[in-house]
């Protein structure tokens, strides 16, 4: 009787990124160990990490491979090496290494050389492969679902992300972005970026504008996915509250009213936090319309 079945090889492009992530962390012995050990991952993948000044040492790359802007990291498959710009902070360097590891293990990321600058490593890159690498790097940093699962054991509060960030070796901004992005409850984060200021101004007089908004999936279904200010900029004191004492690293509470184009209004309980560079306003829960002021 002829055989009707035969073995089949699963196409590489059909393997989901989260499966690759879990397998990599487990096989490298890094799963559940915080912060994620990038050196252990590199060793498992047979990659050497190099650190040097890309502007002065050009033998790692051909001139045709160099992108516009300052190079921050690169992956060279033939040399089995990941290179990072010397002098970067530990958190930035680890993310760059995770980004290059993503290029190494993700399907379709099969170029011989990847060279990354501030643009390709940014949250705003439009290149598909770079977006995928950034997403995978963040998943390595936060061990897939582990950060979100741990966060669920604590109050829905900006303090949860702030407290967990050091355990993952993550910046406050990275943790604050991850927190609402993966949360199962309706919550959101408004991130304000500082506008150029005068050296003579007080901190509360610094001008800010909304840089970006991060919302959880339940929040988007109930309310909105993004906001914009009525004015081009506002003072730091307006984001906190007039006459409210605040400082870098301190969490303040404030109500916020958001109005839609259809004139629908929502009031939220929010928490405001600053890392000294940006201001983060976390929308933690709505205030019922019948609540007393």
Protein backbone atom coordinates (compact mmCIF):
# COMPACT_ATOMS: atom_id res chain seq x y z
CA UNK A 1 0.00 0.00 0.00
CA UNK A 2 1.55 3.33 -1.03
CA UNK A 3 2.30 5.88 1.67
CA UNK A 4 -0.14 8.80 1.68
CA UNK A 5 1.71 11.03 4.10
CA UNK A 6 5.16 12.55 4.11
CA UNK A 7 7.06 14.82 6.46
CA UNK A 8 6.92 18.53 5.86
CA UNK A 9 9.21 21.36 6.85
CA UNK A 10 7.55 24.40 8.33
CA UNK A 11 8.40 27.45 6.21
CA UNK A 12 10.62 29.87 8.11
CA UNK A 13 8.40 32.84 7.28
CA UNK A 14 5.43 31.10 8.93
CA UNK A 15 7.07 30.95 12.36
CA UNK A 16 5.59 33.74 14.54
CA UNK A 17 7.96 36.22 16.15
CA UNK A 18 6.70 35.42 19.65
CA UNK A 19 7.55 31.75 19.13
CA UNK A 20 11.05 32.69 18.01
CA UNK A 21 11.35 34.96 21.04
CA UNK A 22 10.28 32.32 23.56
CA UNK A 23 12.54 29.70 21.98
CA UNK A 24 15.54 32.02 21.96
CA UNK A 25 15.12 33.02 25.60
CA UNK A 26 14.63 29.44 26.75
CA UNK A 27 17.41 27.86 24.67
CA UNK A 28 19.88 30.59 25.64
CA UNK A 29 19.03 30.14 29.32
CA UNK A 30 17.82 33.72 29.65
CA UNK A 31 14.08 33.16 30.19
CA UNK A 32 12.81 34.65 33.44
CA UNK A 33 16.22 36.04 34.41
CA UNK A 34 16.25 39.81 34.78
CA UNK A 35 17.53 41.93 33.26
CA UNK A 36 17.73 39.99 29.98
CA UNK A 37 21.38 39.03 29.52
CA UNK A 38 22.33 40.22 26.03
CA UNK A 39 25.78 38.59 26.32
CA UNK A 40 24.17 35.20 26.93
CA UNK A 41 22.03 35.65 23.82
CA UNK A 42 25.02 36.68 21.73
CA UNK A 43 27.00 33.67 22.91
CA UNK A 44 24.13 31.32 22.12
CA UNK A 45 23.85 32.76 18.59
CA UNK A 46 27.60 32.67 18.05
CA UNK A 47 27.88 36.43 17.70
CA UNK A 48 30.76 38.56 18.95
CA UNK A 49 30.06 42.03 20.33
CA UNK A 50 32.39 44.82 19.26
CA UNK A 51 32.41 48.42 20.42
CA UNK A 52 34.17 51.22 18.61
CA UNK A 53 33.80 54.64 17.04
CA UNK A 54 32.19 54.12 13.64
CA UNK A 55 33.42 57.53 12.49
CA UNK A 56 37.08 56.54 12.94
CA UNK A 57 37.11 52.80 12.32
CA UNK A 58 35.70 52.04 8.89
CA UNK A 59 37.04 48.54 8.21
CA UNK A 60 33.89 46.95 9.67
CA UNK A 61 31.78 48.39 6.85
CA UNK A 62 32.22 49.19 3.20
CA UNK A 63 31.45 52.76 2.21
CA UNK A 64 28.42 51.55 0.24
CA UNK A 65 26.91 50.09 3.42
CA UNK A 66 27.02 53.28 5.46
CA UNK A 67 23.67 55.06 5.92
CA UNK A 68 23.06 58.75 6.35
CA UNK A 69 23.45 59.98 9.90
CA UNK A 70 25.58 58.68 12.73
CA UNK A 71 25.80 54.90 12.98
CA UNK A 72 24.76 53.46 16.34
CA UNK A 73 24.90 49.71 15.71
CA UNK A 74 25.51 47.14 12.98
CA UNK A 75 25.21 43.41 12.33
CA UNK A 76 27.67 41.66 10.02
CA UNK A 77 26.55 38.11 9.24
CA UNK A 78 29.79 37.01 7.56
CA UNK A 79 31.90 38.19 10.49
CA UNK A 80 29.30 36.95 13.01
CA UNK A 81 29.60 40.23 14.82
CA UNK A 82 27.39 42.90 16.37
CA UNK A 83 29.01 46.30 16.70
CA UNK A 84 27.79 49.21 18.82
CA UNK A 85 28.96 52.79 18.97
CA UNK A 86 31.37 53.31 21.85
CA UNK A 87 30.34 55.67 24.63
CA UNK A 88 26.63 54.82 24.64
CA UNK A 89 24.84 54.33 27.95
CA UNK A 90 24.19 50.77 29.13
CA UNK A 91 20.44 50.88 28.47
CA UNK A 92 20.86 52.26 24.97
CA UNK A 93 23.62 49.77 24.15
CA UNK A 94 21.55 46.78 25.29
CA UNK A 95 18.60 47.87 23.15
CA UNK A 96 20.90 48.28 20.14
CA UNK A 97 22.26 44.76 20.67
CA UNK A 98 18.71 43.38 20.98
CA UNK A 99 17.81 45.18 17.73
CA UNK A 100 20.70 43.53 15.88
CA UNK A 101 19.83 40.13 17.40
CA UNK A 102 16.34 40.62 15.98
CA UNK A 103 17.81 41.10 12.51
CA UNK A 104 19.77 37.90 13.04
CA UNK A 105 16.83 35.64 14.00
CA UNK A 106 13.71 37.05 12.33
CA UNK A 107 12.49 35.62 9.00
CA UNK A 108 13.16 37.76 5.92
CA UNK A 109 15.90 39.67 7.78
CA UNK A 110 18.47 37.95 5.61
CA UNK A 111 20.66 40.80 4.43
CA UNK A 112 24.37 40.25 4.87
CA UNK A 113 24.82 43.53 6.72
CA UNK A 114 22.45 45.67 8.76
CA UNK A 115 23.51 49.19 9.71
CA UNK A 116 21.36 51.21 12.09
CA UNK A 117 21.28 54.88 13.00
CA UNK A 118 19.06 56.91 15.32
CA UNK A 119 16.23 56.82 12.77
CA UNK A 120 16.10 53.06 12.22
CA UNK A 121 16.39 52.47 15.97
CA UNK A 122 13.60 54.92 16.77
CA UNK A 123 9.98 54.31 17.65
CA UNK A 124 9.02 56.25 14.49
CA UNK A 125 10.87 54.36 11.78
CA UNK A 126 8.67 53.49 8.79
CA UNK A 127 10.86 50.73 7.38
CA UNK A 128 9.08 47.41 7.97
CA UNK A 129 12.17 45.36 8.85
CA UNK A 130 13.32 48.04 11.29
CA UNK A 131 9.89 48.22 12.94
CA UNK A 132 9.94 44.46 13.33
CA UNK A 133 13.44 44.57 14.81
CA UNK A 134 12.48 47.30 17.26
CA UNK A 135 9.39 45.38 18.35
CA UNK A 136 11.41 42.20 18.85
CA UNK A 137 14.11 44.13 20.74
CA UNK A 138 11.46 45.50 23.10
CA UNK A 139 10.11 41.97 23.58
CA UNK A 140 13.61 40.77 24.49
CA UNK A 141 14.02 43.67 26.91
CA UNK A 142 10.69 42.96 28.63
CA UNK A 143 10.85 39.15 28.24
CA UNK A 144 7.76 38.92 26.09
CA UNK A 145 4.68 38.83 28.34
CA UNK A 146 6.60 38.71 31.62
CA UNK A 147 6.61 42.47 32.25
CA UNK A 148 2.87 42.74 31.59
CA UNK A 149 2.08 39.73 33.73
CA UNK A 150 4.12 41.08 36.63
CA UNK A 151 2.53 44.51 36.26
CA UNK A 152 -0.92 42.97 36.69
CA UNK A 153 0.02 42.04 40.27
CA UNK A 154 0.16 45.72 41.20
CA UNK A 155 -2.17 48.71 41.06
CA UNK A 156 -2.93 50.26 37.69
CA UNK A 157 -0.61 53.19 38.21
CA UNK A 158 2.35 54.89 36.62
CA UNK A 159 4.33 53.92 39.72
CA UNK A 160 4.10 50.26 38.69
CA UNK A 161 6.01 50.89 35.46
CA UNK A 162 8.48 53.19 37.22
CA UNK A 163 9.18 50.58 39.91
CA UNK A 164 9.54 47.68 37.45
CA UNK A 165 11.81 49.50 34.95
CA UNK A 166 15.10 49.00 36.88
CA UNK A 167 14.49 45.24 37.23
CA UNK A 168 14.40 44.95 33.42
CA UNK A 169 17.32 47.30 32.86
CA UNK A 170 14.91 49.53 30.94
CA UNK A 171 14.65 53.30 30.77
CA UNK A 172 11.62 54.89 32.39
CA UNK A 173 10.33 55.93 28.98
CA UNK A 174 10.58 52.39 27.58
CA UNK A 175 8.77 50.92 30.59
CA UNK A 176 6.12 53.64 30.61
CA UNK A 177 5.46 53.03 26.92
CA UNK A 178 5.27 49.25 27.34
CA UNK A 179 2.89 49.50 30.30
CA UNK A 180 -0.28 50.84 28.59
CA UNK A 181 0.65 49.29 25.25
CA UNK A 182 0.19 45.77 26.65
CA UNK A 183 -2.29 46.44 29.47
CA UNK A 184 -5.60 44.56 29.59
CA UNK A 185 -7.40 47.50 31.22
CA UNK A 186 -8.38 50.76 29.46
CA UNK A 187 -5.49 53.16 30.07
CA UNK A 188 -3.32 55.55 28.06
CA UNK A 189 -0.12 57.56 28.20
CA UNK A 190 0.48 61.06 26.87
CA UNK A 191 4.15 61.90 26.35
CA UNK A 192 5.19 65.55 26.25
CA UNK A 193 8.51 66.60 24.75
CA UNK A 194 10.35 69.71 25.85
CA UNK A 195 10.54 72.61 23.41
CA UNK A 196 13.76 74.62 23.25
CA UNK A 197 13.95 76.85 26.32
CA UNK A 198 15.89 79.78 27.63
CA UNK A 199 18.58 79.06 30.20
CA UNK A 200 17.10 81.86 32.28
CA UNK A 201 13.67 80.24 32.66
CA UNK A 202 12.38 78.28 35.63
CA UNK A 203 11.55 74.60 35.13
CA UNK A 204 7.82 75.20 35.46
CA UNK A 205 8.07 77.79 32.68
CA UNK A 206 9.55 75.33 30.17
CA UNK A 207 7.41 74.79 27.09
CA UNK A 208 6.19 71.31 26.12
CA UNK A 209 4.18 69.79 23.30
CA UNK A 210 2.66 66.34 22.88
CA UNK A 211 5.19 63.98 21.33
CA UNK A 212 3.09 60.83 21.09
CA UNK A 213 0.22 58.87 22.66
CA UNK A 214 0.18 55.21 23.69
CA UNK A 215 -3.16 53.51 24.37
CA UNK A 216 -4.20 50.02 25.44
CA UNK A 217 -6.51 48.11 23.10
CA UNK A 218 -9.49 48.39 25.51
CA UNK A 219 -8.91 52.14 25.81
CA UNK A 220 -8.99 52.62 22.03
CA UNK A 221 -12.31 50.81 21.80
CA UNK A 222 -13.90 52.97 24.48
CA UNK A 223 -12.36 56.38 23.87
CA UNK A 224 -9.68 57.38 21.34
CA UNK A 225 -6.24 56.46 20.00
CA UNK A 226 -4.56 59.85 20.08
CA UNK A 227 -4.88 63.47 21.13
CA UNK A 228 -3.57 66.85 20.11
CA UNK A 229 -3.33 70.12 21.98
CA UNK A 230 -5.43 73.17 21.17
CA UNK A 231 -2.28 75.30 21.23
CA UNK A 232 1.14 74.60 19.76
CA UNK A 233 2.70 74.27 23.21
CA UNK A 234 2.01 74.66 26.91
CA UNK A 235 3.93 75.29 30.12
CA UNK A 236 5.08 72.42 32.31
CA UNK A 237 3.06 73.89 35.17
CA UNK A 238 -0.12 73.49 33.08
CA UNK A 239 0.49 69.76 32.59
CA UNK A 240 0.91 69.26 36.32
CA UNK A 241 -1.31 71.89 37.93
CA UNK A 242 -0.90 75.57 38.70
CA UNK A 243 0.58 76.10 42.16
CA UNK A 244 1.23 72.35 42.60
CA UNK A 245 4.64 71.43 43.96
CA UNK A 246 6.43 68.87 41.80
CA UNK A 247 9.91 67.67 40.94
CA UNK A 248 11.68 65.20 38.65
CA UNK A 249 10.84 61.63 39.68
CA UNK A 250 7.81 62.67 41.74
CA UNK A 251 4.33 61.45 40.74
CA UNK A 252 1.48 63.95 40.93
CA UNK A 253 -2.25 63.40 40.50
CA UNK A 254 -4.41 65.57 38.27
CA UNK A 255 -7.75 65.46 36.47
CA UNK A 256 -7.71 65.83 32.71
CA UNK A 257 -10.57 66.70 30.34
CA UNK A 258 -10.39 65.51 26.73
CA UNK A 259 -12.88 66.66 24.10
CA UNK A 260 -13.56 64.97 20.78
CA UNK A 261 -14.25 66.73 17.48
CA UNK A 262 -17.92 65.85 18.06
CA UNK A 263 -17.76 67.80 21.36
CA UNK A 264 -17.97 64.66 23.47
CA UNK A 265 -16.05 65.13 26.71
CA UNK A 266 -14.32 62.69 29.04
CA UNK A 267 -12.72 63.32 32.42
CA UNK A 268 -9.88 61.14 33.60
CA UNK A 269 -7.90 60.59 36.76
CA UNK A 270 -4.28 60.95 35.69
CA UNK A 271 -0.80 60.68 37.15
CA UNK A 272 2.04 62.91 35.95
CA UNK A 273 5.73 61.99 36.07
CA UNK A 274 8.91 63.49 34.61
CA UNK A 275 12.29 61.87 33.98
CA UNK A 276 13.88 65.28 33.51
CA UNK A 277 13.61 65.19 29.72
CA UNK A 278 9.97 64.40 29.04
CA UNK A 279 6.71 64.57 30.97
CA UNK A 280 4.46 61.50 31.07
CA UNK A 281 0.74 61.74 31.87
CA UNK A 282 -0.92 58.41 32.57
CA UNK A 283 -4.71 58.23 32.12
CA UNK A 284 -5.57 55.58 34.69
CA UNK A 285 -9.37 55.67 34.88
CA UNK A 286 -12.36 57.76 33.73
CA UNK A 287 -14.31 59.93 36.16
CA UNK A 288 -18.07 59.26 35.92
CA UNK A 289 -20.01 62.18 34.45
CA UNK A 290 -22.18 62.35 37.55
CA UNK A 291 -19.21 62.58 39.91
CA UNK A 292 -18.99 65.69 42.04
CA UNK A 293 -16.22 68.18 41.32
